[in-house]
Amino acid sequence: MPDLGAYERGLTALRTSSQFPDMAKALAAAIERETVVFGVRAGWVPEGRE
């Protein structure tokens, strides 16, 4: 991803899709819990707190 905001922009675009309600139902049936981990230090994290 180009930046940490890309994830949120992607979710926003997904929610506006006419297919989102069907996708959300399928995902809800298949996924119990989801954890998203970013492998970069966010700009707001102080140095040394990686």
N, C-alpha and C. Protein backbone atom coordinates (compact mmCIF):
# COMPACT_ATOMS: atom_id res chain seq x y z
N MET A 1 0.85 -1.18 0.00
CA MET A 1 0.00 0.00 0.00
C MET A 1 0.89 1.23 0.00
N PRO A 2 0.46 2.26 -0.66
CA PRO A 2 1.29 3.46 -0.73
C PRO A 2 1.40 4.20 0.59
N ASP A 3 0.38 4.09 1.46
CA ASP A 3 0.41 4.76 2.75
C ASP A 3 -0.65 4.14 3.65
N LEU A 4 -0.64 4.50 4.93
CA LEU A 4 -1.59 3.92 5.87
C LEU A 4 -3.04 4.29 5.56
N GLY A 5 -3.26 5.39 4.89
CA GLY A 5 -4.61 5.80 4.53
C GLY A 5 -5.21 4.97 3.41
N ALA A 6 -4.37 4.23 2.69
CA ALA A 6 -4.86 3.43 1.56
C ALA A 6 -5.85 2.37 2.02
N TYR A 7 -5.63 1.80 3.18
CA TYR A 7 -6.55 0.79 3.71
C TYR A 7 -7.94 1.39 3.92
N GLU A 8 -7.99 2.54 4.56
CA GLU A 8 -9.28 3.19 4.80
C GLU A 8 -9.93 3.63 3.50
N ARG A 9 -9.15 4.13 2.56
CA ARG A 9 -9.72 4.52 1.27
C ARG A 9 -10.28 3.31 0.55
N GLY A 10 -9.60 2.18 0.65
CA GLY A 10 -10.09 0.95 0.03
C GLY A 10 -11.41 0.50 0.65
N LEU A 11 -11.50 0.55 1.97
CA LEU A 11 -12.76 0.18 2.64
C LEU A 11 -13.89 1.12 2.24
N THR A 12 -13.59 2.39 2.13
CA THR A 12 -14.61 3.36 1.73
C THR A 12 -15.11 3.06 0.33
N ALA A 13 -14.18 2.76 -0.58
CA ALA A 13 -14.57 2.42 -1.96
C ALA A 13 -15.39 1.13 -1.98
N LEU A 14 -15.02 0.17 -1.17
CA LEU A 14 -15.75 -1.09 -1.12
C LEU A 14 -17.18 -0.87 -0.66
N ARG A 15 -17.36 -0.06 0.37
CA ARG A 15 -18.70 0.19 0.91
C ARG A 15 -19.63 0.87 -0.10
N THR A 16 -19.07 1.56 -1.07
CA THR A 16 -19.91 2.24 -2.06
C THR A 16 -20.26 1.34 -3.23
N SER A 17 -19.70 0.14 -3.27
CA SER A 17 -19.99 -0.80 -4.35
C SER A 17 -21.42 -1.33 -4.22
N SER A 18 -22.09 -1.47 -5.34
CA SER A 18 -23.45 -2.02 -5.32
C SER A 18 -23.44 -3.50 -4.89
N GLN A 19 -22.29 -4.14 -5.00
CA GLN A 19 -22.16 -5.55 -4.61
C GLN A 19 -21.79 -5.72 -3.14
N PHE A 20 -21.55 -4.63 -2.43
CA PHE A 20 -21.09 -4.72 -1.05
C PHE A 20 -22.03 -5.49 -0.13
N PRO A 21 -23.34 -5.29 -0.18
CA PRO A 21 -24.21 -6.05 0.73
C PRO A 21 -24.05 -7.57 0.59
N ASP A 22 -23.95 -8.05 -0.64
CA ASP A 22 -23.75 -9.49 -0.86
C ASP A 22 -22.38 -9.94 -0.38
N MET A 23 -21.35 -9.13 -0.65
CA MET A 23 -20.01 -9.48 -0.20
C MET A 23 -19.94 -9.49 1.32
N ALA A 24 -20.58 -8.51 1.96
CA ALA A 24 -20.56 -8.42 3.42
C ALA A 24 -21.23 -9.65 4.05
N LYS A 25 -22.32 -10.10 3.48
CA LYS A 25 -23.00 -11.30 4.00
C LYS A 25 -22.10 -12.52 3.88
N ALA A 26 -21.45 -12.68 2.73
CA ALA A 26 -20.57 -13.84 2.53
C ALA A 26 -19.38 -13.79 3.49
N LEU A 27 -18.80 -12.62 3.66
CA LEU A 27 -17.66 -12.48 4.57
C LEU A 27 -18.08 -12.73 6.01
N ALA A 28 -19.24 -12.20 6.41
CA ALA A 28 -19.71 -12.39 7.78
C ALA A 28 -19.95 -13.86 8.08
N ALA A 29 -20.38 -14.61 7.09
CA ALA A 29 -20.63 -16.04 7.28
C ALA A 29 -19.33 -16.83 7.37
N ALA A 30 -18.27 -16.31 6.76
CA ALA A 30 -17.02 -17.06 6.68
C ALA A 30 -15.95 -16.63 7.69
N ILE A 31 -16.03 -15.41 8.19
CA ILE A 31 -14.97 -14.87 9.04
C ILE A 31 -15.51 -14.62 10.44
N GLU A 32 -14.87 -15.25 11.41
CA GLU A 32 -15.28 -15.03 12.80
C GLU A 32 -14.68 -13.76 13.38
N ARG A 33 -13.39 -13.56 13.10
CA ARG A 33 -12.70 -12.37 13.62
C ARG A 33 -11.58 -12.02 12.66
N GLU A 34 -11.32 -10.74 12.49
CA GLU A 34 -10.28 -10.28 11.57
C GLU A 34 -9.35 -9.33 12.31
N THR A 35 -8.06 -9.49 12.09
CA THR A 35 -7.06 -8.60 12.64
C THR A 35 -6.23 -8.06 11.49
N VAL A 36 -6.09 -6.75 11.42
CA VAL A 36 -5.29 -6.12 10.37
C VAL A 36 -4.02 -5.59 11.02
N VAL A 37 -2.89 -5.97 10.45
CA VAL A 37 -1.59 -5.54 10.97
C VAL A 37 -0.84 -4.82 9.86
N PHE A 38 -0.37 -3.62 10.17
CA PHE A 38 0.44 -2.86 9.22
C PHE A 38 1.90 -3.05 9.57
N GLY A 39 2.71 -3.32 8.57
CA GLY A 39 4.12 -3.59 8.79
C GLY A 39 5.03 -2.38 8.66
N VAL A 40 4.50 -1.21 8.89
CA VAL A 40 5.30 0.02 8.86
C VAL A 40 5.00 0.84 10.09
N ARG A 41 5.93 1.68 10.47
CA ARG A 41 5.71 2.56 11.62
C ARG A 41 4.87 3.75 11.16
N ALA A 42 3.80 3.98 11.84
CA ALA A 42 2.95 5.13 11.53
C ALA A 42 3.66 6.41 11.94
N GLY A 43 3.38 7.48 11.22
CA GLY A 43 4.02 8.76 11.49
C GLY A 43 3.77 9.29 12.88
N TRP A 44 2.67 8.90 13.49
CA TRP A 44 2.34 9.40 14.83
C TRP A 44 2.96 8.58 15.95
N VAL A 45 3.67 7.50 15.62
CA VAL A 45 4.33 6.68 16.64
C VAL A 45 5.69 7.30 16.93
N PRO A 46 6.01 7.62 18.18
CA PRO A 46 7.30 8.23 18.51
C PRO A 46 8.46 7.32 18.14
N GLU A 47 9.59 7.90 17.81
CA GLU A 47 10.80 7.14 17.50
C GLU A 47 11.13 6.22 18.67
N GLY A 48 11.58 5.01 18.38
CA GLY A 48 11.95 4.07 19.41
C GLY A 48 10.78 3.24 19.93
N ARG A 49 9.56 3.52 19.47
CA ARG A 49 8.37 2.80 19.91
C ARG A 49 7.83 1.92 18.81
N GLU A 50 8.71 1.36 18.01
CA GLU A 50 8.28 0.56 16.87
C GLU A 50 7.90 -0.75 17.40
